[in-house]
Structure formats: C-alpha cells, structure tokens
Amino acid sequence: MSATTRRSLAAFSEIAVVLGGGLRGDGTPTGSTQRRADAAARLAAERDVALIVSGSHGNGPQPKVSEAEYMARRLAELGVAEERVFIEDESRDTLSNAVCVAERYLARIAPRRLTIVTSPFHMARSLATFAFVLGPEWPIDAYPAAPGEQDDAHAATEELYLGNLRARLEGLQPGDLRRIAERARSSLPLHVSDDPPRS
C-alpha cells in the first residue's frame, strides 16, 4: 500500500502497542511473541484500533527479521489489514519500546486511548513504563495475551526488572520524552548485549 493511500495513525481513535516477546536462537519468534500477535489480532477484530508492533530483538546479534516484522506478518496471516499495522523495529527492551514508539509515532498526534498488548507476567511493568514515558495525558489500558508455559518463571524476575526500570528513570519527570530517551539509550548497553546468547 502506498504512503498516499495508507490511513494515518492519527485517523484512529484508539491505538494498541504490541510488544515483542523475544526471538529464539535460530531467529524464529518465541511463543510469547506469537501469543502477543494473536491477542492483537483478536483486539483488532473487536475494535477499530491501529496496531503498532514494537521490537527489534533482545540480546544477541540483530536477526534478519525483527520481532515487529514477525508480528506484522502474523497479523496479516490472521486477516488484519495492512493499513492498520505500524512497525517500530529498533527497540531492544521495554523502556526502549515505549521511547521508540513515542518518538516515531505518538509524539506527533493528540493523546487518545492507548492499549498495551503483552503477556500477563509483563503487563504491570509495561503499563508503568508507557505511563512514565508518555505522561498523564495518555489513558493507558491493558489487553493481555494468553499465558504461556514459562510465564511463572518469567514472572519471578519482574520485580527485579521493575526495580531496574525505576533506577534507570530516577530523577526524571513523567512525559519528559527527550530526557527519558537520552537516559534509555545511554543505559541500554547495561541491559542488552550484542553478544550471542549463551546456550
């Protein structure tokens, strides 16, 4: 679809951000990534919502296909129109998901209902992150994906990750996108690595 005929993000009264859930060592999407895309397709069937799929990859070298691109392909397979899907494929963790989505898309439009689509174990941290990055003008809702077999193990580390997030944002004000983005980028190497993951 050409840029001239594509429906603009601002034309949607509601936007959902679908967060990538990782890639396997062979570059294929994890179950979390697939379940989040499937949940986004269900949401798109229920409401006239634009979907921003967000995520490059976590640790390790950059893959040929990003988390966001896999999710966009999955949404197309499930019948979601291409004009409703927007890609953010640079972020490497939850904070950079929020920063990159805000910089690329949300800073240019008026606040409106924003729904976060992610795994249940990841939801509280995701909501807190987006609320801080965007500030109080954006109303944020949750739309959880189906739980997976490893969710309990992932949930056990969420308090640690939430503490790390608070430390990264210490001294900053909610909604101060410029300073939050600077902090997110400067602290990212402490949280993700370009080295191949250990097996």
N, C-alpha and C. Protein backbone atom coordinates (compact mmCIF):
# COMPACT_ATOMS: atom_id res chain seq x y z
N MET A 1 0.85 -1.19 0.00
CA MET A 1 0.00 0.00 0.00
C MET A 1 0.89 1.24 0.00
N SER A 2 0.58 2.19 -0.84
CA SER A 2 1.41 3.38 -0.92
C SER A 2 1.16 4.30 0.25
N ALA A 3 2.15 5.15 0.52
CA ALA A 3 2.04 6.08 1.64
C ALA A 3 0.89 7.05 1.42
N THR A 4 0.54 7.32 0.16
CA THR A 4 -0.52 8.30 -0.11
C THR A 4 -1.91 7.75 0.18
N THR A 5 -2.08 6.43 0.14
CA THR A 5 -3.40 5.85 0.39
C THR A 5 -3.51 5.22 1.77
N ARG A 6 -2.42 5.11 2.48
CA ARG A 6 -2.44 4.50 3.80
C ARG A 6 -3.18 5.39 4.79
N ARG A 7 -4.03 4.79 5.60
CA ARG A 7 -4.74 5.52 6.64
C ARG A 7 -3.73 5.98 7.68
N SER A 8 -3.78 7.23 8.07
CA SER A 8 -2.80 7.74 9.03
C SER A 8 -3.12 7.26 10.44
N LEU A 9 -2.10 7.18 11.24
CA LEU A 9 -2.29 6.76 12.62
C LEU A 9 -3.24 7.71 13.35
N ALA A 10 -3.15 8.98 13.04
CA ALA A 10 -4.00 9.98 13.69
C ALA A 10 -5.47 9.78 13.39
N ALA A 11 -5.80 9.03 12.34
CA ALA A 11 -7.19 8.81 11.98
C ALA A 11 -7.87 7.78 12.89
N PHE A 12 -7.11 7.04 13.65
CA PHE A 12 -7.67 6.04 14.55
C PHE A 12 -7.95 6.66 15.91
N SER A 13 -9.12 6.38 16.46
CA SER A 13 -9.46 6.91 17.78
C SER A 13 -8.79 6.14 18.90
N GLU A 14 -8.29 4.95 18.59
CA GLU A 14 -7.60 4.11 19.58
C GLU A 14 -6.39 3.47 18.94
N ILE A 15 -5.34 3.34 19.74
CA ILE A 15 -4.09 2.72 19.28
C ILE A 15 -3.70 1.64 20.27
N ALA A 16 -3.19 0.54 19.76
CA ALA A 16 -2.62 -0.51 20.61
C ALA A 16 -1.15 -0.69 20.26
N VAL A 17 -0.34 -0.91 21.28
CA VAL A 17 1.07 -1.22 21.08
C VAL A 17 1.26 -2.69 21.46
N VAL A 18 1.79 -3.45 20.52
CA VAL A 18 2.00 -4.89 20.71
C VAL A 18 3.50 -5.10 20.92
N LEU A 19 3.87 -5.58 22.10
CA LEU A 19 5.28 -5.68 22.47
C LEU A 19 5.85 -7.05 22.11
N GLY A 20 6.99 -7.03 21.45
CA GLY A 20 7.65 -8.28 21.12
C GLY A 20 8.06 -9.04 22.37
N GLY A 21 8.05 -10.36 22.25
CA GLY A 21 8.37 -11.22 23.39
C GLY A 21 9.61 -12.05 23.18
N GLY A 22 10.47 -11.61 22.27
CA GLY A 22 11.74 -12.30 22.09
C GLY A 22 11.78 -13.18 20.85
N LEU A 23 13.02 -13.51 20.48
CA LEU A 23 13.30 -14.42 19.38
C LEU A 23 14.14 -15.57 19.92
N ARG A 24 13.99 -16.73 19.32
CA ARG A 24 14.83 -17.87 19.69
C ARG A 24 16.22 -17.72 19.07
N GLY A 25 17.11 -18.60 19.47
CA GLY A 25 18.48 -18.55 18.95
C GLY A 25 18.56 -18.68 17.45
N ASP A 26 17.58 -19.37 16.83
CA ASP A 26 17.59 -19.52 15.37
C ASP A 26 16.89 -18.37 14.66
N GLY A 27 16.46 -17.35 15.43
CA GLY A 27 15.84 -16.18 14.83
C GLY A 27 14.34 -16.26 14.68
N THR A 28 13.73 -17.39 15.05
CA THR A 28 12.28 -17.51 14.97
C THR A 28 11.64 -16.93 16.23
N PRO A 29 10.36 -16.53 16.17
CA PRO A 29 9.73 -15.90 17.33
C PRO A 29 9.44 -16.90 18.44
N THR A 30 9.56 -16.43 19.67
CA THR A 30 9.19 -17.26 20.82
C THR A 30 7.67 -17.39 20.88
N GLY A 31 7.21 -18.29 21.74
CA GLY A 31 5.78 -18.43 21.97
C GLY A 31 5.16 -17.14 22.48
N SER A 32 5.89 -16.40 23.31
CA SER A 32 5.38 -15.13 23.82
C SER A 32 5.10 -14.15 22.69
N THR A 33 6.03 -14.05 21.75
CA THR A 33 5.84 -13.14 20.62
C THR A 33 4.62 -13.55 19.80
N GLN A 34 4.47 -14.83 19.55
CA GLN A 34 3.33 -15.30 18.76
C GLN A 34 2.01 -15.08 19.49
N ARG A 35 1.98 -15.37 20.79
CA ARG A 35 0.73 -15.18 21.55
C ARG A 35 0.34 -13.70 21.61
N ARG A 36 1.31 -12.82 21.69
CA ARG A 36 1.01 -11.39 21.72
C ARG A 36 0.44 -10.93 20.38
N ALA A 37 1.00 -11.40 19.28
CA ALA A 37 0.45 -11.07 17.97
C ALA A 37 -0.96 -11.62 17.82
N ASP A 38 -1.20 -12.84 18.29
CA ASP A 38 -2.54 -13.43 18.21
C ASP A 38 -3.54 -12.63 19.03
N ALA A 39 -3.12 -12.17 20.21
CA ALA A 39 -4.00 -11.34 21.02
C ALA A 39 -4.32 -10.03 20.31
N ALA A 40 -3.33 -9.45 19.64
CA ALA A 40 -3.56 -8.20 18.90
C ALA A 40 -4.57 -8.41 17.79
N ALA A 41 -4.52 -9.56 17.13
CA ALA A 41 -5.50 -9.85 16.08
C ALA A 41 -6.91 -9.95 16.66
N ARG A 42 -7.03 -10.55 17.85
CA ARG A 42 -8.35 -10.61 18.50
C ARG A 42 -8.84 -9.20 18.83
N LEU A 43 -7.95 -8.37 19.34
CA LEU A 43 -8.33 -7.00 19.66
C LEU A 43 -8.77 -6.25 18.40
N ALA A 44 -8.05 -6.46 17.30
CA ALA A 44 -8.39 -5.79 16.05
C ALA A 44 -9.75 -6.24 15.52
N ALA A 45 -10.13 -7.48 15.83
CA ALA A 45 -11.45 -7.97 15.41
C ALA A 45 -12.57 -7.36 16.25
N GLU A 46 -12.24 -6.95 17.47
CA GLU A 46 -13.23 -6.39 18.39
C GLU A 46 -13.44 -4.89 18.20
N ARG A 47 -12.35 -4.17 17.87
CA ARG A 47 -12.42 -2.71 17.85
C ARG A 47 -11.63 -2.15 16.67
N ASP A 48 -11.98 -0.95 16.25
CA ASP A 48 -11.26 -0.27 15.16
C ASP A 48 -10.02 0.39 15.74
N VAL A 49 -8.98 -0.40 15.90
CA VAL A 49 -7.78 0.04 16.58
C VAL A 49 -6.59 -0.10 15.64
N ALA A 50 -5.69 0.88 15.67
CA ALA A 50 -4.41 0.76 14.97
C ALA A 50 -3.46 -0.05 15.85
N LEU A 51 -2.62 -0.84 15.23
CA LEU A 51 -1.68 -1.69 15.96
C LEU A 51 -0.25 -1.28 15.64
N ILE A 52 0.49 -0.87 16.65
CA ILE A 52 1.92 -0.61 16.49
C ILE A 52 2.64 -1.83 17.04
N VAL A 53 3.29 -2.59 16.18
CA VAL A 53 4.07 -3.74 16.63
C VAL A 53 5.48 -3.25 16.92
N SER A 54 5.99 -3.60 18.10
CA SER A 54 7.22 -2.98 18.58
C SER A 54 8.23 -4.01 19.03
N GLY A 55 9.44 -3.88 18.49
CA GLY A 55 10.54 -4.71 18.96
C GLY A 55 11.49 -5.10 17.85
N SER A 56 12.78 -4.97 18.12
CA SER A 56 13.80 -5.48 17.23
C SER A 56 14.19 -6.88 17.69
N HIS A 57 14.94 -6.92 18.79
CA HIS A 57 15.37 -8.17 19.39
C HIS A 57 15.93 -7.84 20.76
N GLY A 58 16.16 -8.85 21.56
CA GLY A 58 16.74 -8.64 22.88
C GLY A 58 18.25 -8.77 22.79
N ASN A 59 18.80 -9.73 23.50
CA ASN A 59 20.24 -9.96 23.48
C ASN A 59 20.66 -10.68 22.21
N GLY A 60 21.93 -10.51 21.86
CA GLY A 60 22.48 -11.18 20.70
C GLY A 60 22.50 -10.30 19.47
N PRO A 61 23.08 -10.82 18.39
CA PRO A 61 23.18 -10.03 17.15
C PRO A 61 21.80 -9.75 16.57
N GLN A 62 21.71 -8.71 15.76
CA GLN A 62 20.45 -8.36 15.12
C GLN A 62 20.05 -9.47 14.15
N PRO A 63 18.82 -9.95 14.23
CA PRO A 63 18.38 -11.02 13.32
C PRO A 63 17.99 -10.46 11.96
N LYS A 64 17.78 -11.35 11.00
CA LYS A 64 17.34 -10.92 9.68
C LYS A 64 15.93 -10.33 9.73
N VAL A 65 15.09 -10.89 10.59
CA VAL A 65 13.71 -10.42 10.72
C VAL A 65 13.47 -10.04 12.18
N SER A 66 12.98 -8.84 12.41
CA SER A 66 12.76 -8.36 13.78
C SER A 66 11.49 -8.96 14.39
N GLU A 67 11.37 -8.80 15.70
CA GLU A 67 10.13 -9.20 16.38
C GLU A 67 8.94 -8.49 15.75
N ALA A 68 9.09 -7.19 15.49
CA ALA A 68 7.99 -6.41 14.93
C ALA A 68 7.57 -6.95 13.57
N GLU A 69 8.53 -7.28 12.73
CA GLU A 69 8.20 -7.79 11.39
C GLU A 69 7.51 -9.14 11.48
N TYR A 70 7.97 -10.01 12.38
CA TYR A 70 7.28 -11.29 12.56
C TYR A 70 5.82 -11.05 12.98
N MET A 71 5.61 -10.13 13.92
CA MET A 71 4.25 -9.89 14.39
C MET A 71 3.39 -9.28 13.28
N ALA A 72 3.97 -8.39 12.47
CA ALA A 72 3.21 -7.83 11.35
C ALA A 72 2.80 -8.92 10.37
N ARG A 73 3.71 -9.85 10.10
CA ARG A 73 3.39 -10.96 9.20
C ARG A 73 2.29 -11.84 9.79
N ARG A 74 2.39 -12.10 11.08
CA ARG A 74 1.38 -12.93 11.74
C ARG A 74 0.01 -12.25 11.70
N LEU A 75 -0.03 -10.96 11.93
CA LEU A 75 -1.29 -10.23 11.87
C LEU A 75 -1.89 -10.30 10.47
N ALA A 76 -1.04 -10.20 9.44
CA ALA A 76 -1.54 -10.33 8.07
C ALA A 76 -2.13 -11.71 7.83
N GLU A 77 -1.45 -12.75 8.34
CA GLU A 77 -1.95 -14.12 8.21
C GLU A 77 -3.32 -14.27 8.87
N LEU A 78 -3.54 -13.53 9.95
CA LEU A 78 -4.79 -13.62 10.70
C LEU A 78 -5.84 -12.65 10.18
N GLY A 79 -5.56 -12.00 9.07
CA GLY A 79 -6.57 -11.20 8.41
C GLY A 79 -6.64 -9.74 8.79
N VAL A 80 -5.65 -9.23 9.53
CA VAL A 80 -5.64 -7.82 9.90
C VAL A 80 -5.12 -7.01 8.71
N ALA A 81 -5.85 -5.98 8.32
CA ALA A 81 -5.47 -5.18 7.16
C ALA A 81 -4.14 -4.48 7.39
N GLU A 82 -3.33 -4.45 6.35
CA GLU A 82 -2.01 -3.83 6.42
C GLU A 82 -2.08 -2.38 6.87
N GLU A 83 -3.12 -1.67 6.46
CA GLU A 83 -3.22 -0.24 6.79
C GLU A 83 -3.38 0.01 8.28
N ARG A 84 -3.72 -1.03 9.05
CA ARG A 84 -3.91 -0.88 10.49
C ARG A 84 -2.64 -1.18 11.27
N VAL A 85 -1.59 -1.63 10.61
CA VAL A 85 -0.38 -2.09 11.29
C VAL A 85 0.78 -1.14 11.01
N PHE A 86 1.42 -0.69 12.08
CA PHE A 86 2.55 0.23 12.02
C PHE A 86 3.73 -0.45 12.73
N ILE A 87 4.92 -0.29 12.19
CA ILE A 87 6.09 -1.04 12.69
C ILE A 87 7.08 -0.11 13.39
N GLU A 88 7.51 -0.55 14.55
CA GLU A 88 8.64 0.06 15.28
C GLU A 88 9.63 -1.07 15.51
N ASP A 89 10.77 -1.05 14.85
CA ASP A 89 11.67 -2.20 14.87
C ASP A 89 13.09 -1.87 15.31
N GLU A 90 13.23 -0.88 16.21
CA GLU A 90 14.56 -0.55 16.72
C GLU A 90 14.73 -0.88 18.20
N SER A 91 13.66 -0.99 18.94
CA SER A 91 13.75 -1.13 20.40
C SER A 91 14.28 -2.51 20.80
N ARG A 92 14.94 -2.54 21.97
CA ARG A 92 15.59 -3.75 22.45
C ARG A 92 15.09 -4.20 23.81
N ASP A 93 14.35 -3.34 24.52
CA ASP A 93 13.79 -3.72 25.82
C ASP A 93 12.52 -2.91 26.03
N THR A 94 11.87 -3.09 27.17
CA THR A 94 10.56 -2.47 27.38
C THR A 94 10.65 -0.95 27.40
N LEU A 95 11.68 -0.40 28.04
CA LEU A 95 11.81 1.04 28.06
C LEU A 95 12.03 1.60 26.65
N SER A 96 12.88 0.95 25.87
CA SER A 96 13.08 1.46 24.51
C SER A 96 11.88 1.19 23.62
N ASN A 97 11.07 0.15 23.93
CA ASN A 97 9.78 0.01 23.23
C ASN A 97 8.98 1.30 23.37
N ALA A 98 8.82 1.74 24.61
CA ALA A 98 8.00 2.93 24.88
C ALA A 98 8.60 4.18 24.26
N VAL A 99 9.91 4.34 24.40
CA VAL A 99 10.57 5.53 23.85
C VAL A 99 10.48 5.56 22.33
N CYS A 100 10.80 4.46 21.68
CA CYS A 100 10.80 4.44 20.21
C CYS A 100 9.40 4.60 19.64
N VAL A 101 8.40 3.98 20.27
CA VAL A 101 7.02 4.16 19.82
C VAL A 101 6.60 5.61 19.98
N ALA A 102 6.95 6.21 21.12
CA ALA A 102 6.58 7.61 21.36
C ALA A 102 7.26 8.52 20.35
N GLU A 103 8.55 8.33 20.13
CA GLU A 103 9.28 9.20 19.21
C GLU A 103 8.80 9.04 17.77
N ARG A 104 8.61 7.80 17.34
CA ARG A 104 8.28 7.56 15.94
C ARG A 104 6.83 7.89 15.61
N TYR A 105 5.93 7.68 16.57
CA TYR A 105 4.50 7.79 16.26
C TYR A 105 3.71 8.71 17.19
N LEU A 106 3.80 8.52 18.48
CA LEU A 106 2.83 9.14 19.38
C LEU A 106 3.09 10.61 19.65
N ALA A 107 4.33 11.05 19.60
CA ALA A 107 4.64 12.46 19.89
C ALA A 107 4.03 13.40 18.86
N ARG A 108 3.65 12.86 17.70
CA ARG A 108 3.13 13.69 16.61
C ARG A 108 1.61 13.82 16.61
N ILE A 109 0.92 13.09 17.49
CA ILE A 109 -0.54 13.09 17.45
C ILE A 109 -1.12 13.41 18.83
N ALA A 110 -2.39 13.76 18.85
CA ALA A 110 -3.05 14.08 20.11
C ALA A 110 -3.24 12.81 20.94
N PRO A 111 -3.12 12.92 22.26
CA PRO A 111 -3.34 11.75 23.11
C PRO A 111 -4.72 11.15 22.90
N ARG A 112 -4.78 9.84 23.05
CA ARG A 112 -6.03 9.08 22.93
C ARG A 112 -5.84 7.76 23.65
N ARG A 113 -6.85 6.94 23.68
CA ARG A 113 -6.76 5.66 24.36
C ARG A 113 -5.63 4.83 23.76
N LEU A 114 -4.76 4.35 24.63
CA LEU A 114 -3.63 3.51 24.22
C LEU A 114 -3.71 2.20 24.98
N THR A 115 -3.73 1.11 24.25
CA THR A 115 -3.85 -0.22 24.84
C THR A 115 -2.53 -0.96 24.64
N ILE A 116 -2.03 -1.54 25.72
CA ILE A 116 -0.80 -2.32 25.67
C ILE A 116 -1.15 -3.80 25.56
N VAL A 117 -0.60 -4.46 24.55
CA VAL A 117 -0.80 -5.89 24.35
C VAL A 117 0.52 -6.59 24.66
N THR A 118 0.50 -7.39 25.70
CA THR A 118 1.70 -8.15 26.07
C THR A 118 1.28 -9.33 26.93
N SER A 119 2.25 -10.12 27.36
CA SER A 119 1.97 -11.28 28.21
C SER A 119 1.52 -10.83 29.59
N PRO A 120 0.70 -11.63 30.28
CA PRO A 120 0.24 -11.24 31.61
C PRO A 120 1.38 -10.93 32.57
N PHE A 121 2.45 -11.73 32.56
CA PHE A 121 3.56 -11.51 33.50
C PHE A 121 4.27 -10.18 33.25
N HIS A 122 4.19 -9.68 32.03
CA HIS A 122 4.92 -8.49 31.60
C HIS A 122 4.07 -7.22 31.67
N MET A 123 2.78 -7.38 31.96
CA MET A 123 1.84 -6.27 31.80
C MET A 123 2.09 -5.13 32.79
N ALA A 124 2.26 -5.43 34.07
CA ALA A 124 2.40 -4.36 35.06
C ALA A 124 3.59 -3.47 34.75
N ARG A 125 4.72 -4.07 34.39
CA ARG A 125 5.91 -3.29 34.07
C ARG A 125 5.72 -2.49 32.78
N SER A 126 5.05 -3.08 31.82
CA SER A 126 4.80 -2.39 30.56
C SER A 126 3.90 -1.18 30.76
N LEU A 127 2.83 -1.35 31.53
CA LEU A 127 1.93 -0.23 31.80
C LEU A 127 2.67 0.89 32.53
N ALA A 128 3.47 0.53 33.51
CA ALA A 128 4.23 1.54 34.26
C ALA A 128 5.22 2.26 33.36
N THR A 129 5.85 1.54 32.46
CA THR A 129 6.84 2.13 31.56
C THR A 129 6.20 3.12 30.60
N PHE A 130 5.14 2.68 29.93
CA PHE A 130 4.48 3.57 28.97
C PHE A 130 3.86 4.78 29.66
N ALA A 131 3.30 4.58 30.85
CA ALA A 131 2.71 5.71 31.58
C ALA A 131 3.78 6.74 31.91
N PHE A 132 4.96 6.29 32.30
CA PHE A 132 6.04 7.23 32.64
C PHE A 132 6.55 7.95 31.39
N VAL A 133 6.78 7.21 30.33
CA VAL A 133 7.33 7.80 29.12
C VAL A 133 6.36 8.81 28.50
N LEU A 134 5.08 8.46 28.46
CA LEU A 134 4.10 9.31 27.79
C LEU A 134 3.53 10.40 28.69
N GLY A 135 3.53 10.19 30.00
CA GLY A 135 2.96 11.18 30.90
C GLY A 135 1.47 11.00 31.07
N PRO A 136 0.85 11.80 31.92
CA PRO A 136 -0.54 11.57 32.34
C PRO A 136 -1.59 11.88 31.28
N GLU A 137 -1.24 12.50 30.17
CA GLU A 137 -2.25 12.85 29.18
C GLU A 137 -2.76 11.64 28.39
N TRP A 138 -1.98 10.58 28.38
CA TRP A 138 -2.37 9.39 27.61
C TRP A 138 -3.05 8.37 28.53
N PRO A 139 -4.35 8.05 28.31
CA PRO A 139 -5.01 6.99 29.08
C PRO A 139 -4.55 5.62 28.56
N ILE A 140 -4.08 4.78 29.46
CA ILE A 140 -3.47 3.51 29.05
C ILE A 140 -4.26 2.35 29.63
N ASP A 141 -4.57 1.38 28.76
CA ASP A 141 -5.30 0.17 29.13
C ASP A 141 -4.44 -1.06 28.85
N ALA A 142 -4.91 -2.20 29.35
CA ALA A 142 -4.22 -3.47 29.16
C ALA A 142 -5.08 -4.44 28.36
N TYR A 143 -4.43 -5.20 27.50
CA TYR A 143 -5.08 -6.29 26.77
C TYR A 143 -4.11 -7.47 26.78
N PRO A 144 -4.23 -8.33 27.80
CA PRO A 144 -3.22 -9.39 27.94
C PRO A 144 -3.37 -10.51 26.91
N ALA A 145 -2.23 -11.00 26.48
CA ALA A 145 -2.18 -12.19 25.63
C ALA A 145 -2.46 -13.43 26.49
N ALA A 146 -2.66 -14.55 25.84
CA ALA A 146 -2.83 -15.81 26.56
C ALA A 146 -1.54 -16.14 27.31
N PRO A 147 -1.67 -16.71 28.51
CA PRO A 147 -0.45 -17.08 29.24
C PRO A 147 0.26 -18.26 28.57
N GLY A 148 1.57 -18.34 28.81
CA GLY A 148 2.36 -19.43 28.27
C GLY A 148 2.94 -20.30 29.37
N GLU A 149 3.55 -21.40 28.98
CA GLU A 149 4.07 -22.37 29.93
C GLU A 149 5.19 -21.80 30.80
N GLN A 150 5.97 -20.86 30.27
CA GLN A 150 7.11 -20.32 31.00
C GLN A 150 6.77 -19.04 31.77
N ASP A 151 5.50 -18.65 31.80
CA ASP A 151 5.15 -17.36 32.40
C ASP A 151 5.48 -17.26 33.88
N ASP A 152 5.31 -18.34 34.62
CA ASP A 152 5.64 -18.29 36.05
C ASP A 152 7.12 -18.01 36.26
N ALA A 153 7.97 -18.61 35.44
CA ALA A 153 9.42 -18.38 35.55
C ALA A 153 9.74 -16.93 35.20
N HIS A 154 9.09 -16.41 34.15
CA HIS A 154 9.32 -15.02 33.77
C HIS A 154 8.81 -14.07 34.86
N ALA A 155 7.67 -14.39 35.43
CA ALA A 155 7.06 -13.52 36.45
C ALA A 155 7.97 -13.36 37.66
N ALA A 156 8.76 -14.38 37.95
CA ALA A 156 9.63 -14.35 39.13
C ALA A 156 10.69 -13.26 39.04
N THR A 157 11.01 -12.83 37.83
CA THR A 157 12.05 -11.80 37.66
C THR A 157 11.47 -10.40 37.46
N GLU A 158 10.16 -10.28 37.39
CA GLU A 158 9.56 -8.99 37.06
C GLU A 158 9.82 -7.91 38.11
N GLU A 159 9.83 -8.30 39.39
CA GLU A 159 10.10 -7.30 40.42
C GLU A 159 11.50 -6.73 40.28
N LEU A 160 12.46 -7.59 39.95
CA LEU A 160 13.83 -7.13 39.71
C LEU A 160 13.88 -6.17 38.53
N TYR A 161 13.21 -6.54 37.42
CA TYR A 161 13.22 -5.68 36.24
C TYR A 161 12.51 -4.35 36.51
N LEU A 162 11.45 -4.37 37.31
CA LEU A 162 10.76 -3.13 37.65
C LEU A 162 11.67 -2.23 38.49
N GLY A 163 12.43 -2.83 39.40
CA GLY A 163 13.40 -2.06 40.17
C GLY A 163 14.47 -1.45 39.29
N ASN A 164 14.94 -2.22 38.30
CA ASN A 164 15.93 -1.70 37.36
C ASN A 164 15.36 -0.53 36.56
N LEU A 165 14.09 -0.64 36.17
CA LEU A 165 13.45 0.44 35.43
C LEU A 165 13.39 1.72 36.27
N ARG A 166 12.99 1.60 37.53
CA ARG A 166 12.91 2.77 38.40
C ARG A 166 14.28 3.42 38.58
N ALA A 167 15.32 2.59 38.68
CA ALA A 167 16.67 3.13 38.81
C ALA A 167 17.09 3.86 37.55
N ARG A 168 16.74 3.32 36.39
CA ARG A 168 17.10 3.97 35.13
C ARG A 168 16.41 5.32 34.96
N LEU A 169 15.21 5.47 35.53
CA LEU A 169 14.42 6.68 35.35
C LEU A 169 14.53 7.64 36.53
N GLU A 170 15.34 7.31 37.50
CA GLU A 170 15.44 8.13 38.71
C GLU A 170 15.80 9.58 38.36
N GLY A 171 15.08 10.51 38.96
CA GLY A 171 15.34 11.93 38.76
C GLY A 171 14.67 12.54 37.55
N LEU A 172 13.98 11.74 36.75
CA LEU A 172 13.29 12.24 35.57
C LEU A 172 11.81 12.43 35.86
N GLN A 173 11.17 13.26 35.05
CA GLN A 173 9.75 13.53 35.20
C GLN A 173 8.95 12.76 34.15
N PRO A 174 7.78 12.21 34.53
CA PRO A 174 6.94 11.53 33.54
C PRO A 174 6.61 12.46 32.37
N GLY A 175 6.69 11.91 31.17
CA GLY A 175 6.35 12.67 29.97
C GLY A 175 7.47 13.51 29.39
N ASP A 176 8.62 13.58 30.05
CA ASP A 176 9.76 14.35 29.52
C ASP A 176 10.50 13.45 28.53
N LEU A 177 9.92 13.33 27.34
CA LEU A 177 10.38 12.33 26.38
C LEU A 177 11.85 12.53 26.00
N ARG A 178 12.28 13.75 25.80
CA ARG A 178 13.66 13.99 25.37
C ARG A 178 14.66 13.44 26.38
N ARG A 179 14.46 13.77 27.66
CA ARG A 179 15.41 13.31 28.68
C ARG A 179 15.27 11.81 28.95
N ILE A 180 14.04 11.32 28.92
CA ILE A 180 13.84 9.88 29.12
C ILE A 180 14.53 9.11 27.99
N ALA A 181 14.39 9.58 26.76
CA ALA A 181 15.02 8.90 25.62
C ALA A 181 16.54 8.90 25.75
N GLU A 182 17.11 10.02 26.18
CA GLU A 182 18.56 10.08 26.38
C GLU A 182 19.00 9.07 27.42
N ARG A 183 18.28 9.00 28.54
CA ARG A 183 18.62 8.05 29.60
C ARG A 183 18.45 6.61 29.12
N ALA A 184 17.38 6.35 28.40
CA ALA A 184 17.12 4.99 27.92
C ALA A 184 18.25 4.52 27.00
N ARG A 185 18.69 5.39 26.11
CA ARG A 185 19.74 4.99 25.17
C ARG A 185 21.10 4.85 25.85
N SER A 186 21.39 5.74 26.78
CA SER A 186 22.69 5.66 27.45
C SER A 186 22.80 4.45 28.37
N SER A 187 21.67 3.99 28.91
CA SER A 187 21.70 2.86 29.85
C SER A 187 21.40 1.53 29.17
N LEU A 188 21.02 1.55 27.90
CA LEU A 188 20.64 0.31 27.22
C LEU A 188 21.75 -0.74 27.19
N PRO A 189 23.03 -0.36 26.94
CA PRO A 189 24.07 -1.40 26.91
C PRO A 189 24.22 -2.18 28.21
N LEU A 190 23.75 -1.62 29.32
CA LEU A 190 23.81 -2.34 30.59
C LEU A 190 22.73 -3.42 30.69
N HIS A 191 21.74 -3.36 29.78
CA HIS A 191 20.59 -4.24 29.89
C HIS A 191 20.46 -5.21 28.73
N VAL A 192 21.04 -4.89 27.58
CA VAL A 192 21.04 -5.82 26.45
C VAL A 192 22.43 -5.87 25.86
N SER A 193 22.73 -6.97 25.21
CA SER A 193 24.08 -7.19 24.66
C SER A 193 23.98 -7.62 23.21
N ASP A 194 24.97 -7.25 22.41
CA ASP A 194 25.04 -7.72 21.03
C ASP A 194 25.79 -9.04 20.92
N ASP A 195 26.31 -9.55 22.04
CA ASP A 195 26.97 -10.84 22.01
C ASP A 195 25.94 -11.96 21.86
N PRO A 196 26.30 -13.05 21.16
CA PRO A 196 25.34 -14.15 21.02
C PRO A 196 24.93 -14.67 22.40
N PRO A 197 23.64 -15.02 22.60
CA PRO A 197 23.20 -15.55 23.88
C PRO A 197 23.91 -16.86 24.18
N ARG A 198 24.18 -17.08 25.45
CA ARG A 198 24.81 -18.35 25.85
C ARG A 198 23.77 -19.46 25.84
N SER A 199 24.21 -20.64 25.38
CA SER A 199 23.26 -21.75 25.32
C SER A 199 23.32 -22.57 26.60
